[in-house]
Protein backbone atom coordinates (compact mmCIF):
# COMPACT_ATOMS: atom_id res chain seq x y z
CA UNK A 1 -0.11 -6.40 -21.71
CA UNK A 2 2.11 -8.74 -20.24
CA UNK A 3 0.61 -11.69 -18.21
CA UNK A 4 2.58 -13.47 -15.97
CA UNK A 5 2.93 -16.87 -16.60
CA UNK A 6 4.26 -19.83 -13.34
CA UNK A 7 7.49 -21.39 -14.25
CA UNK A 8 9.45 -23.88 -12.04
CA UNK A 9 7.79 -22.08 -9.16
CA UNK A 10 8.58 -18.39 -9.47
CA UNK A 11 6.25 -15.60 -10.92
CA UNK A 12 7.65 -14.04 -14.43
CA UNK A 13 6.29 -11.30 -16.43
CA UNK A 14 5.75 -13.22 -19.67
CA UNK A 15 7.08 -11.35 -22.53
CA UNK A 16 4.62 -9.50 -24.94
CA UNK A 17 5.16 -9.09 -28.77
CA UNK A 18 6.94 -6.95 -30.27
CA UNK A 19 9.06 -5.35 -27.45
CA UNK A 20 11.34 -3.31 -27.86
CA UNK A 21 15.19 -4.53 -27.36
CA UNK A 22 15.34 -2.24 -24.19
CA UNK A 23 12.14 -3.40 -23.00
CA UNK A 24 12.93 -6.98 -22.97
CA UNK A 25 16.13 -6.32 -21.48
CA UNK A 26 15.01 -4.89 -18.68
CA UNK A 27 12.17 -6.98 -18.01
CA UNK A 28 14.40 -9.84 -18.40
CA UNK A 29 17.31 -8.17 -15.57
CA UNK A 30 14.18 -7.39 -12.95
CA UNK A 31 12.65 -10.98 -13.93
CA UNK A 32 15.87 -13.05 -13.11
CA UNK A 33 16.38 -10.53 -9.73
CA UNK A 34 12.76 -11.49 -8.66
CA UNK A 35 14.03 -15.37 -9.54
CA UNK A 36 17.29 -14.87 -7.24
CA UNK A 37 15.24 -13.22 -4.27
CA UNK A 38 12.21 -15.65 -4.79
CA UNK A 39 12.77 -17.83 -0.98
CA UNK A 40 14.18 -14.26 0.74
CA UNK A 41 10.47 -12.97 -0.35
CA UNK A 42 8.23 -15.99 0.31
CA UNK A 43 10.18 -15.84 3.80
CA UNK A 44 9.87 -12.60 4.36
CA UNK A 45 5.72 -12.92 3.55
CA UNK A 46 5.54 -15.56 6.12
CA UNK A 47 7.04 -13.56 8.58
CA UNK A 48 4.28 -10.76 8.18
CA UNK A 49 1.64 -12.44 8.13
CA UNK A 50 2.58 -14.11 12.02
CA UNK A 51 3.89 -10.78 13.04
CA UNK A 52 0.01 -8.83 11.53
CA UNK A 53 -1.44 -12.08 13.00
CA UNK A 54 -3.27 -13.07 9.77
CA UNK A 55 -2.96 -17.32 10.73
CA UNK A 56 -4.24 -17.07 14.25
CA UNK A 57 -4.82 -21.06 14.59
CA UNK A 58 -1.24 -21.59 13.94
CA UNK A 59 0.12 -18.41 15.78
CA UNK A 60 -1.89 -19.00 19.48
CA UNK A 61 0.95 -16.62 21.37
CA UNK A 62 2.22 -13.51 18.38
CA UNK A 63 5.38 -13.36 20.34
CA UNK A 64 7.11 -12.03 17.23
CA UNK A 65 4.40 -8.77 17.46
CA UNK A 66 5.50 -8.42 21.45
CA UNK A 67 8.79 -8.58 20.87
CA UNK A 68 8.87 -6.33 17.96
CA UNK A 69 7.12 -3.61 19.64
CA UNK A 70 9.40 -3.85 21.96
CA UNK A 71 12.74 -3.13 19.85
CA UNK A 72 10.94 -0.60 17.70
CA UNK A 73 11.11 2.08 19.60
CA UNK A 74 14.47 1.16 20.69
CA UNK A 75 15.89 1.90 17.21
CA UNK A 76 13.84 4.78 15.98
CA UNK A 77 11.37 6.79 18.18
CA UNK A 78 11.84 9.97 17.77
CA UNK A 79 12.83 12.87 14.78
CA UNK A 80 16.87 13.14 15.40
CA UNK A 81 18.37 16.64 15.22
CA UNK A 82 20.61 17.12 13.05
CA UNK A 83 23.99 18.68 13.61
CA UNK A 84 26.61 20.52 10.96
CA UNK A 85 29.67 21.41 11.76
CA UNK A 86 33.10 22.57 10.38
CA UNK A 87 35.58 19.92 9.81
CA UNK A 88 38.20 22.26 10.89
CA UNK A 89 37.76 24.48 14.26
CA UNK A 90 39.86 26.93 12.34
CA UNK A 91 39.04 31.24 12.54
CA UNK A 92 36.51 31.33 9.50
CA UNK A 93 33.08 33.07 9.61
CA UNK A 94 31.84 31.95 6.07
CA UNK A 95 32.10 28.44 6.87
CA UNK A 96 30.36 28.56 10.47
CA UNK A 97 27.74 31.22 8.57
CA UNK A 98 27.57 28.13 6.03
CA UNK A 99 27.63 25.10 8.59
CA UNK A 100 24.55 27.47 10.71
CA UNK A 101 22.09 27.63 7.02
CA UNK A 102 22.78 24.23 6.41
CA UNK A 103 21.83 22.74 9.92
CA UNK A 104 18.46 24.79 9.87
CA UNK A 105 17.52 23.54 6.35
CA UNK A 106 18.15 20.07 7.77
CA UNK A 107 15.76 20.67 10.74
CA UNK A 108 13.48 21.86 8.17
CA UNK A 109 13.16 19.52 5.69
CA UNK A 110 13.15 17.21 9.30
CA UNK A 111 10.31 19.04 10.57
CA UNK A 112 8.03 19.99 7.98
CA UNK A 113 4.82 18.16 7.02
CA UNK A 114 3.64 18.74 3.26
CA UNK A 115 0.80 17.70 2.15
CA UNK A 116 1.25 14.61 -0.30
CA UNK A 117 4.67 14.26 1.09
CA UNK A 118 5.93 11.34 3.10
CA UNK A 119 7.38 12.43 6.67
CA UNK A 120 10.38 11.94 8.03
CA UNK A 121 9.21 10.28 11.32
CA UNK A 122 6.47 7.98 9.35
CA UNK A 123 9.14 7.33 7.10
CA UNK A 124 11.86 6.23 9.62
CA UNK A 125 8.80 4.21 11.60
CA UNK A 126 8.20 2.15 8.43
CA UNK A 127 11.87 1.13 7.17
CA UNK A 128 12.29 0.24 10.74
CA UNK A 129 10.02 -2.53 10.82
CA UNK A 130 10.56 -3.68 7.56
CA UNK A 131 14.13 -3.89 8.54
CA UNK A 132 13.14 -5.73 12.00
CA UNK A 133 10.86 -7.98 10.24
CA UNK A 134 11.68 -9.41 6.33
CA UNK A 135 14.98 -7.62 6.49
CA UNK A 136 15.11 -4.77 4.56
CA UNK A 137 14.70 -1.65 5.23
CA UNK A 138 14.36 1.26 2.06
CA UNK A 139 13.94 4.11 2.18
CA UNK A 140 14.98 6.75 -0.71
CA UNK A 141 15.66 10.39 -0.90
CA UNK A 142 12.99 12.55 -2.91
CA UNK A 143 13.65 15.85 -4.46
CA UNK A 144 10.95 17.79 -6.19
CA UNK A 145 10.77 21.46 -7.35
CA UNK A 146 8.06 23.82 -8.60
CA UNK A 147 9.45 25.71 -11.85
CA UNK A 148 7.15 27.83 -13.47
CA UNK A 149 8.34 30.24 -17.16
CA UNK A 150 8.31 33.66 -15.95
CA UNK A 151 8.33 36.12 -18.72
CA UNK A 152 11.96 38.06 -18.45
CA UNK A 153 11.61 40.52 -21.75
CA UNK A 154 10.90 39.00 -24.80
CA UNK A 155 11.59 35.48 -23.72
CA UNK A 156 9.70 33.02 -21.38
CA UNK A 157 12.67 31.73 -18.33
CA UNK A 158 12.17 28.60 -16.25
CA UNK A 159 12.53 30.21 -12.21
CA UNK A 160 11.68 27.80 -9.64
CA UNK A 161 9.21 29.31 -6.90
CA UNK A 162 10.00 26.61 -4.30
CA UNK A 163 11.78 23.09 -3.66
CA UNK A 164 11.81 20.25 -1.30
CA UNK A 165 13.82 17.09 0.13
CA UNK A 166 11.79 14.31 1.34
CA UNK A 167 11.98 10.72 2.25
CA UNK A 168 10.04 8.11 -0.16
CA UNK A 169 10.35 4.80 1.54
CA UNK A 170 9.94 1.53 -0.77
CA UNK A 171 8.21 -1.94 0.36
CA UNK A 172 10.81 -4.42 0.76
CA UNK A 173 9.37 -6.44 -2.11
CA UNK A 174 9.14 -3.83 -4.41
CA UNK A 175 12.90 -3.22 -4.37
CA UNK A 176 15.60 -5.21 -6.89
CA UNK A 177 19.40 -4.88 -7.49
CA UNK A 178 21.37 -6.05 -10.16
CA UNK A 179 23.36 -8.85 -9.73
CA UNK A 180 26.69 -8.60 -7.91
CA UNK A 181 29.02 -9.48 -5.19
CA UNK A 182 29.22 -6.06 -2.99
CA UNK A 183 27.78 -2.72 -2.89
CA UNK A 184 29.86 -0.95 -4.42
CA UNK A 185 29.50 -3.04 -7.91
CA UNK A 186 26.13 -3.12 -7.54
CA UNK A 187 25.00 -1.68 -11.53
CA UNK A 188 21.06 -1.29 -11.38
CA UNK A 189 18.56 -0.76 -8.48
CA UNK A 190 15.05 -0.45 -9.46
CA UNK A 191 11.35 0.06 -8.05
CA UNK A 192 8.27 -1.30 -9.32
CA UNK A 193 5.86 1.29 -8.96
CA UNK A 194 1.58 1.45 -9.87
CA UNK A 195 0.45 4.59 -11.39
CA UNK A 196 -2.76 5.81 -12.68
CA UNK A 197 -2.75 7.78 -15.50
CA UNK A 198 -3.05 10.91 -13.59
CA UNK A 199 0.31 10.25 -12.92
CA UNK A 200 1.27 8.82 -15.85
CA UNK A 201 0.73 12.56 -18.10
CA UNK A 202 2.69 14.25 -15.42
CA UNK A 203 5.85 12.04 -15.23
CA UNK A 204 5.72 10.87 -19.40
CA UNK A 205 3.74 13.40 -21.15
CA UNK A 206 0.35 12.93 -22.67
CA UNK A 207 1.37 10.89 -25.43
CA UNK A 208 2.95 8.54 -24.32
CA UNK A 209 0.71 8.28 -20.49
CA UNK A 210 -2.80 7.27 -23.10
CA UNK A 211 -0.68 4.54 -24.97
CA UNK A 212 0.06 2.90 -22.06
CA UNK A 213 -3.04 -0.19 -20.78
CA UNK A 214 -4.32 0.58 -17.76
CA UNK A 215 -6.38 -2.45 -15.78
CA UNK A 216 -8.08 -2.42 -12.32
CA UNK A 217 -5.93 -4.23 -9.08
CA UNK A 218 -1.93 -4.81 -8.63
CA UNK A 219 -0.47 -7.70 -9.73
CA UNK A 220 -0.20 -10.96 -7.83
CA UNK A 221 3.05 -11.63 -6.11
CA UNK A 222 5.17 -14.77 -6.89
CA UNK A 223 2.63 -17.24 -5.00
CA UNK A 224 0.05 -15.99 -7.13
CA UNK A 225 -1.49 -14.29 -3.85
CA UNK A 226 -2.60 -10.92 -3.53
CA UNK A 227 -1.31 -9.78 -0.34
CA UNK A 228 -4.25 -9.13 2.06
CA UNK A 229 -3.57 -4.95 3.03
CA UNK A 230 -4.07 -4.72 -1.32
CA UNK A 231 -7.15 -6.96 -1.86
CA UNK A 232 -9.55 -3.81 -2.22
CA UNK A 233 -8.39 -1.04 -4.62
CA UNK A 234 -11.52 -0.21 -5.93
CA UNK A 235 -11.77 0.89 -9.37
CA UNK A 236 -9.15 2.45 -9.54
CA UNK A 237 -6.96 1.71 -12.94
CA UNK A 238 -2.93 1.48 -12.75
CA UNK A 239 -0.42 0.46 -14.89
CA UNK A 240 2.79 -1.56 -13.86
CA UNK A 241 5.90 0.82 -14.45
CA UNK A 242 9.92 0.64 -13.26
CA UNK A 243 11.99 3.29 -12.51
CA UNK A 244 15.42 1.61 -12.73
CA UNK A 245 18.45 3.83 -11.38
CA UNK A 246 20.93 2.86 -13.74
CA UNK A 247 24.34 3.05 -12.09
CA UNK A 248 26.79 1.46 -14.85
CA UNK A 249 24.52 1.76 -17.82
CA UNK A 250 25.91 6.35 -17.70
CA UNK A 251 23.87 7.20 -14.69
CA UNK A 252 20.63 7.27 -15.82
CA UNK A 253 17.25 7.01 -14.83
CA UNK A 254 14.67 5.09 -16.81
CA UNK A 255 11.80 4.17 -16.74
CA UNK A 256 9.82 0.64 -18.81
CA UNK A 257 6.63 -0.76 -17.99
CA UNK A 258 5.23 -4.16 -19.90
CA UNK A 259 2.11 -1.88 -20.56
CA UNK A 260 4.06 0.08 -23.12
CA UNK A 261 6.20 -1.85 -24.95
CA UNK A 262 8.08 0.76 -28.12
CA UNK A 263 11.02 1.88 -26.06
CA UNK A 264 11.52 3.80 -23.14
CA UNK A 265 8.47 5.93 -21.05
CA UNK A 266 11.84 8.10 -20.51
CA UNK A 267 14.60 7.87 -19.41
CA UNK A 268 16.37 11.08 -17.01
CA UNK A 269 20.08 12.57 -16.69
CA UNK A 270 21.42 11.90 -12.71
CA UNK A 271 19.73 15.18 -10.89
CA UNK A 272 20.94 14.69 -7.86
CA UNK A 273 24.86 14.15 -8.48
CA UNK A 274 24.74 12.18 -5.40
CA UNK A 275 28.82 10.04 -4.87
CA UNK A 276 26.84 6.67 -4.61
CA UNK A 277 24.73 7.60 -7.65
CA UNK A 278 21.73 5.80 -6.57
CA UNK A 279 18.48 7.76 -3.94
CA UNK A 280 19.00 4.76 -1.42
CA UNK A 281 21.21 3.97 1.45
């Protein structure tokens, strides 16, 4: 199991023994991204502590909280109304019908409230608050489909039962970016996640999930401290997994974990086919 080691004031992932070249490379990339943002992340946590009033003795009058609560509803207050129109106002009944269908789909997806999925309204509130405080709000597009095998004659054919597109917000300090001078040149984006064995089986299969080492609680932050809202997680055991959207490496989605050193947990093709590849703006 990988452990954290201090080096020059930064919190690094110590490399596990007998690690594959793929895992070694990506853990090194993420460690470098963490070091590049070390000062930013430290300042972001300090700002969040002031906003939350964790240290009232040093902040007798919390102006930051008051100002933020005033600005928040002015930036985002309610679910927007989608508008889908044809680019050219020609006599095109088919294009008009397609635009109306697209608008109705968006209205449904923005208003739906499905158990187990984040609502658009909640996601935008979290993203806007993170934008105002540490200065980074990250929301992603998540696509899920329920596919079942249906017997068609003598063969089983996969048939889509339902599908859903929703918002999936990420914590501002659990996102990492490959080095670049501008967004269009960013080679990869990685999301840090802590998943239990049940979720690992769903994502990677029972065989690989059984080889991952799980532990109680989550890793400490760069200063060796646990966030106040993450101190009491109960008995649930999880493993640290990085979901990497690798744009320069063939537009692949790769999963690596310091708790699994034999190679990638999973490699998926680009299922969204977005112009910019990444699932976040």
